[in-house]
C-alpha cells in the first residue's frame, strides 16, 4: 500500500488541488540604482516587466512616477502585496508608519479589519545592504535580504521575488495564503534559493540560519516525478531546526507533516512544473536550472 507521502506530485495532486484561490493582486516598485551598470539601469524596467508577464504582476519605476503617484500606489489598497526592489534611499517618500497606520495601535475589530485590507509592503535587497535595515523597515512591513552573489544583483533578486510571488498568484498544488504572509512577513527576513536533484542534497545545502529562524515561507517548484515525502522532508528539516546535516528525515503522512510544520509556523507552497502557464521568459533565461526540486525560502524571526 502506498501512503500519501509516497505519492508523485501531479497537477491534480492530493493537497489543495480543488481549492478555489482568491486572486492576489501584486505589484513591484523598483528603483533606478539597482545595478553598477548605467546601461543595465536603463533596461531594468523592461526586463522586470518581461520577466513577470506570466504572473500578471504590474511593474512600476520610481524614476517614471511622481511622488504623489507612488504614495497613491501604496495607500490606495489596489494591490495586496507591493514589492520594493532598490536602495532604501530611493523610497524615502514611502512611509509605512503613516498616521492611518498608527491608529491601528488602538486595537479593536475595525482596526483589525483595516489592517487586513492594507497592502503588505515587502522590501527586497541583497544581503550586502543589511547595514541599511533600519531604513528599509521605515518603508516596509519586512526587509527581505537575499543571499546572492555578484555585483549585478537584480537578476538574482528577481529569481527570489518571482518564485515567492508565484506561490501567491498562480493556482498550484498548494499555495501560500495571503493571511500567512501578513502574519509571518514582519521585520527582518533572509531569503535564498536552492535547486537540486534530491531532497537530501537540498537539506545538505540549507544555510545555518535555518537553525534559528522562528518562521518561514517556503515555495517549492518541482518536476512531476518528485514525491511528496521529498518535499515534506525538506520542510521538516527547516521546521525542526535540527535536520540541516541529517539525511535520515522522513514523514509518513500528510497529517504528520502538517502537524510538524504548523507547530513551528512554517507555511509552504508547491507548484508542479509543466503546466499550461508560461514558464520563465527570455529576460533571464538562466532562471530555469533544470533541477528536480527548487526551493525558495524566506526566513523570519532570526
Protein backbone atom coordinates (compact mmCIF):
# COMPACT_ATOMS: atom_id res chain seq x y z
CA UNK A 1 0.00 0.00 0.00
CA UNK A 2 1.38 3.42 -0.98
CA UNK A 3 0.97 6.27 1.51
CA UNK A 4 0.26 9.86 0.50
CA UNK A 5 3.83 10.80 1.29
CA UNK A 6 4.96 8.30 -1.39
CA UNK A 7 2.68 9.89 -3.98
CA UNK A 8 4.22 11.54 -7.03
CA UNK A 9 3.40 15.21 -7.45
CA UNK A 10 0.85 15.87 -10.19
CA UNK A 11 -1.18 18.86 -11.30
CA UNK A 12 -4.21 17.20 -9.70
CA UNK A 13 -2.38 16.23 -6.53
CA UNK A 14 -3.98 15.44 -3.18
CA UNK A 15 -3.21 18.74 -1.45
CA UNK A 16 -5.39 21.77 -2.14
CA UNK A 17 -5.82 20.98 -5.85
CA UNK A 18 -9.55 21.72 -5.90
CA UNK A 19 -9.50 24.67 -3.52
CA UNK A 20 -10.52 27.99 -5.06
CA UNK A 21 -7.77 30.55 -4.61
CA UNK A 22 -8.72 34.20 -4.30
CA UNK A 23 -6.85 36.22 -6.94
CA UNK A 24 -3.99 38.07 -5.27
CA UNK A 25 -3.04 41.45 -6.69
CA UNK A 26 0.70 42.07 -6.72
CA UNK A 27 2.88 44.95 -7.89
CA UNK A 28 6.60 45.77 -7.90
CA UNK A 29 8.05 49.23 -7.43
CA UNK A 30 11.72 49.33 -8.40
CA UNK A 31 14.44 51.93 -8.12
CA UNK A 32 16.83 53.15 -10.77
CA UNK A 33 20.09 52.40 -8.97
CA UNK A 34 19.82 48.63 -8.78
CA UNK A 35 22.95 47.88 -10.77
CA UNK A 36 26.52 49.10 -11.12
CA UNK A 37 25.97 49.41 -14.88
CA UNK A 38 24.21 52.51 -16.22
CA UNK A 39 23.02 50.60 -19.28
CA UNK A 40 21.50 47.94 -17.02
CA UNK A 41 19.68 50.66 -15.08
CA UNK A 42 18.06 51.82 -18.32
CA UNK A 43 16.93 48.29 -19.13
CA UNK A 44 15.79 47.10 -15.70
CA UNK A 45 12.18 48.24 -16.07
CA UNK A 46 11.68 46.46 -19.39
CA UNK A 47 13.48 43.37 -18.11
CA UNK A 48 11.32 43.13 -14.99
CA UNK A 49 8.17 43.79 -17.00
CA UNK A 50 9.03 41.00 -19.41
CA UNK A 51 10.03 38.60 -16.65
CA UNK A 52 6.85 38.98 -14.61
CA UNK A 53 4.37 38.81 -17.51
CA UNK A 54 3.47 35.17 -16.69
CA UNK A 55 2.40 36.22 -13.19
CA UNK A 56 0.48 39.31 -14.33
CA UNK A 57 2.49 41.42 -11.88
CA UNK A 58 2.42 45.17 -12.51
CA UNK A 59 5.85 46.84 -12.62
CA UNK A 60 6.33 50.49 -11.63
CA UNK A 61 9.51 52.58 -11.67
CA UNK A 62 10.41 55.22 -9.11
CA UNK A 63 12.09 57.14 -11.91
CA UNK A 64 8.93 57.30 -14.03
CA UNK A 65 6.36 58.03 -11.32
CA UNK A 66 5.69 61.17 -9.35
CA UNK A 67 5.86 61.11 -5.57
CA UNK A 68 2.08 61.54 -5.42
CA UNK A 69 1.62 58.61 -7.79
CA UNK A 70 3.82 56.34 -5.72
CA UNK A 71 2.12 57.37 -2.48
CA UNK A 72 -1.21 56.54 -4.10
CA UNK A 73 0.15 53.15 -5.21
CA UNK A 74 0.99 52.32 -1.60
CA UNK A 75 -2.09 53.79 0.07
CA UNK A 76 -4.84 53.01 -2.47
CA UNK A 77 -5.09 49.33 -1.45
CA UNK A 78 -5.22 48.45 -5.15
CA UNK A 79 -2.66 45.71 -4.51
CA UNK A 80 -2.46 43.09 -1.79
CA UNK A 81 1.33 42.93 -1.90
CA UNK A 82 3.78 45.58 -3.10
CA UNK A 83 7.41 44.54 -3.51
CA UNK A 84 10.13 47.17 -3.39
CA UNK A 85 13.39 46.44 -5.24
CA UNK A 86 16.13 49.01 -4.90
CA UNK A 87 18.17 51.06 -2.46
CA UNK A 88 16.30 52.25 0.63
CA UNK A 89 17.09 55.90 -0.09
CA UNK A 90 15.11 55.70 -3.35
CA UNK A 91 11.90 55.07 -1.39
CA UNK A 92 12.32 57.77 1.27
CA UNK A 93 8.91 59.25 0.49
CA UNK A 94 7.21 55.90 1.18
CA UNK A 95 6.27 55.99 4.82
CA UNK A 96 4.92 52.73 6.16
CA UNK A 97 4.15 54.23 9.54
CA UNK A 98 1.72 56.89 8.35
CA UNK A 99 -0.90 58.42 10.62
CA UNK A 100 -3.54 56.00 9.36
CA UNK A 101 -1.36 53.03 10.29
CA UNK A 102 -0.50 54.43 13.70
CA UNK A 103 -4.20 54.46 14.56
CA UNK A 104 -4.18 50.68 14.30
CA UNK A 105 -2.44 50.53 17.67
CA UNK A 106 -5.74 51.32 19.35
CA UNK A 107 -6.87 47.79 18.53
CA UNK A 108 -10.45 46.65 18.10
CA UNK A 109 -12.37 44.94 15.31
CA UNK A 110 -12.34 47.96 12.99
CA UNK A 111 -8.59 48.36 13.34
CA UNK A 112 -8.03 44.67 12.60
CA UNK A 113 -10.22 44.83 9.50
CA UNK A 114 -8.42 47.94 8.33
CA UNK A 115 -5.05 46.25 8.81
CA UNK A 116 -6.15 43.21 6.80
CA UNK A 117 -7.25 45.41 3.89
CA UNK A 118 -3.97 47.33 3.64
CA UNK A 119 -1.21 46.43 1.24
CA UNK A 120 1.64 44.28 2.53
CA UNK A 121 4.89 46.08 1.69
CA UNK A 122 7.99 43.92 1.31
CA UNK A 123 11.40 45.40 0.52
CA UNK A 124 13.81 43.04 -1.27
CA UNK A 125 17.53 43.78 -1.28
CA UNK A 126 20.86 41.91 -1.47
CA UNK A 127 22.37 40.91 1.86
CA UNK A 128 25.21 43.41 1.33
CA UNK A 129 22.64 46.13 2.09
CA UNK A 130 21.87 44.77 5.55
CA UNK A 131 23.54 47.86 7.04
CA UNK A 132 20.52 49.84 5.79
CA UNK A 133 17.99 47.59 7.54
CA UNK A 134 16.54 50.42 9.67
CA UNK A 135 15.86 52.49 6.58
CA UNK A 136 14.17 49.59 4.84
CA UNK A 137 11.95 48.90 7.85
CA UNK A 138 10.75 52.52 7.82
CA UNK A 139 9.17 51.91 4.43
CA UNK A 140 8.02 48.30 4.66
CA UNK A 141 6.46 45.60 6.79
CA UNK A 142 9.52 43.42 6.22
CA UNK A 143 13.01 43.87 4.80
CA UNK A 144 13.94 40.68 2.95
CA UNK A 145 17.68 40.31 2.36
CA UNK A 146 18.53 37.82 -0.36
CA UNK A 147 21.53 35.52 -0.15
CA UNK A 148 23.04 36.22 -3.55
CA UNK A 149 26.42 36.68 -5.17
CA UNK A 150 27.66 39.10 -7.82
CA UNK A 151 27.53 42.85 -8.34
CA UNK A 152 24.70 42.81 -10.87
CA UNK A 153 22.14 41.62 -8.34
CA UNK A 154 18.73 42.36 -9.98
CA UNK A 155 18.80 39.03 -11.82
CA UNK A 156 19.24 37.05 -8.60
CA UNK A 157 16.79 39.21 -6.66
CA UNK A 158 14.27 38.63 -9.44
CA UNK A 159 14.67 34.87 -9.03
CA UNK A 160 13.63 35.02 -5.37
CA UNK A 161 10.83 37.55 -5.89
CA UNK A 162 9.45 35.63 -8.87
CA UNK A 163 9.23 32.31 -7.05
CA UNK A 164 7.73 33.91 -3.93
CA UNK A 165 5.07 35.81 -5.89
CA UNK A 166 4.44 32.70 -7.97
CA UNK A 167 3.34 30.88 -4.83
CA UNK A 168 0.84 33.68 -4.15
CA UNK A 169 -0.75 34.28 -7.54
CA UNK A 170 -0.51 31.06 -9.60
CA UNK A 171 -3.09 28.41 -8.61
CA UNK A 172 -0.92 25.43 -7.76
CA UNK A 173 -0.97 22.14 -5.91
CA UNK A 174 -0.59 24.20 -2.73
CA UNK A 175 -0.47 27.99 -2.38
CA UNK A 176 0.82 30.24 0.37
CA UNK A 177 -2.15 32.11 1.77
CA UNK A 178 -2.11 35.90 1.84
CA UNK A 179 -3.08 35.85 5.52
CA UNK A 180 0.01 33.75 6.25
CA UNK A 181 2.20 36.34 4.55
CA UNK A 182 0.62 39.13 6.57
CA UNK A 183 1.15 37.20 9.81
CA UNK A 184 4.70 35.94 9.16
CA UNK A 185 6.36 38.58 6.98
CA UNK A 186 7.39 41.09 9.64
CA UNK A 187 10.72 42.68 10.49
CA UNK A 188 13.87 41.18 9.01
CA UNK A 189 13.77 38.28 6.58
CA UNK A 190 16.51 36.25 4.93
CA UNK A 191 15.77 34.72 1.52
CA UNK A 192 17.59 32.12 -0.53
CA UNK A 193 17.00 29.80 -3.47
CA UNK A 194 18.40 26.28 -3.71
CA UNK A 195 17.82 23.93 -6.64
CA UNK A 196 19.00 20.34 -6.80
CA UNK A 197 18.02 16.85 -7.89
CA UNK A 198 17.21 15.36 -4.47
CA UNK A 199 15.81 16.37 -1.11
CA UNK A 200 18.97 15.16 0.63
CA UNK A 201 21.17 17.43 -1.43
CA UNK A 202 18.95 20.42 -0.70
CA UNK A 203 18.94 19.66 3.03
CA UNK A 204 22.72 19.43 2.98
CA UNK A 205 22.90 22.90 1.41
CA UNK A 206 20.47 24.64 3.78
CA UNK A 207 22.11 27.65 5.50
CA UNK A 208 22.69 27.61 9.24
CA UNK A 209 20.20 30.46 9.62
CA UNK A 210 17.51 27.77 9.30
CA UNK A 211 18.52 26.57 12.76
CA UNK A 212 17.46 29.81 14.45
CA UNK A 213 14.53 31.00 12.31
CA UNK A 214 11.19 31.20 14.12
CA UNK A 215 9.01 31.16 10.99
CA UNK A 216 9.36 30.64 7.26
CA UNK A 217 7.58 30.92 3.93
CA UNK A 218 8.65 28.12 1.57
CA UNK A 219 7.92 27.74 -2.13
CA UNK A 220 8.71 24.51 -3.95
CA UNK A 221 8.83 24.27 -7.74
CA UNK A 222 9.05 20.58 -8.64
CA UNK A 223 9.16 18.17 -11.56
CA UNK A 224 6.15 15.80 -11.73
CA UNK A 225 8.37 12.89 -10.68
CA UNK A 226 9.10 14.39 -7.26
CA UNK A 227 7.45 12.59 -4.33
CA UNK A 228 5.55 14.38 -1.60
CA UNK A 229 7.78 12.85 1.08
CA UNK A 230 10.80 14.57 -0.50
CA UNK A 231 9.13 17.97 -0.12
CA UNK A 232 7.98 17.10 3.41
CA UNK A 233 11.48 16.07 4.47
CA UNK A 234 12.93 19.44 3.41
CA UNK A 235 10.17 21.30 5.25
CA UNK A 236 10.74 19.13 8.31
CA UNK A 237 14.48 19.88 8.27
CA UNK A 238 13.70 23.59 8.42
CA UNK A 239 10.78 23.24 10.84
CA UNK A 240 12.63 21.18 13.44
CA UNK A 241 15.76 23.34 13.21
CA UNK A 242 17.97 20.31 13.57
CA UNK A 243 17.95 18.47 10.27
CA UNK A 244 20.45 20.54 8.35
CA UNK A 245 23.09 17.80 8.32
CA UNK A 246 20.75 14.84 8.92
CA UNK A 247 19.75 12.89 5.81
CA UNK A 248 17.52 10.46 7.70
CA UNK A 249 14.40 12.62 7.77
CA UNK A 250 11.10 11.11 6.71
CA UNK A 251 7.45 11.99 7.30
CA UNK A 252 4.99 9.16 6.86
CA UNK A 253 1.80 11.08 6.21
CA UNK A 254 0.42 14.46 5.19
CA UNK A 255 -1.23 14.79 8.61
CA UNK A 256 2.13 14.35 10.34
CA UNK A 257 3.71 16.89 8.01
CA UNK A 258 1.03 19.49 8.73
CA UNK A 259 1.33 18.96 12.49
CA UNK A 260 5.10 19.41 12.49
CA UNK A 261 5.15 22.32 10.06
CA UNK A 262 2.35 24.31 11.67
CA UNK A 263 3.86 23.86 15.08
CA UNK A 264 6.86 25.99 14.14
CA UNK A 265 4.94 28.39 11.88
CA UNK A 266 6.22 27.22 8.51
CA UNK A 267 3.95 27.76 5.51
CA UNK A 268 4.69 26.27 2.12
CA UNK A 269 3.50 26.34 -1.47
CA UNK A 270 4.08 23.65 -4.09
CA UNK A 271 3.96 24.16 -7.84
CA UNK A 272 4.26 21.35 -10.39
CA UNK A 273 6.22 22.33 -13.49
CA UNK A 274 5.00 21.56 -16.98
CA UNK A 275 1.52 23.09 -16.77
CA UNK A 276 -0.14 25.22 -19.41
CA UNK A 277 1.07 28.52 -17.95
CA UNK A 278 4.13 30.20 -19.42
CA UNK A 279 7.45 29.42 -17.82
CA UNK A 280 10.31 31.86 -17.34
CA UNK A 281 10.68 34.16 -20.31
CA UNK A 282 13.85 35.11 -22.12
CA UNK A 283 14.66 38.15 -19.97
CA UNK A 284 16.56 35.90 -17.56
CA UNK A 285 16.83 32.53 -19.34
CA UNK A 286 19.14 31.00 -16.73
CA UNK A 287 16.45 31.16 -14.03
CA UNK A 288 15.31 27.71 -15.14
CA UNK A 289 18.01 25.43 -13.83
CA UNK A 290 16.68 22.03 -14.84
CA UNK A 291 16.80 20.57 -11.32
CA UNK A 292 14.08 18.28 -9.94
CA UNK A 293 13.36 20.46 -6.90
CA UNK A 294 13.75 24.21 -6.47
CA UNK A 295 13.23 25.73 -3.01
CA UNK A 296 12.76 29.44 -2.45
CA UNK A 297 12.62 30.25 1.26
CA UNK A 298 12.18 33.40 3.32
CA UNK A 299 13.09 33.02 6.99
CA UNK A 300 11.87 35.38 9.71
CA UNK A 301 12.49 35.84 13.42
CA UNK A 302 16.24 35.38 13.13
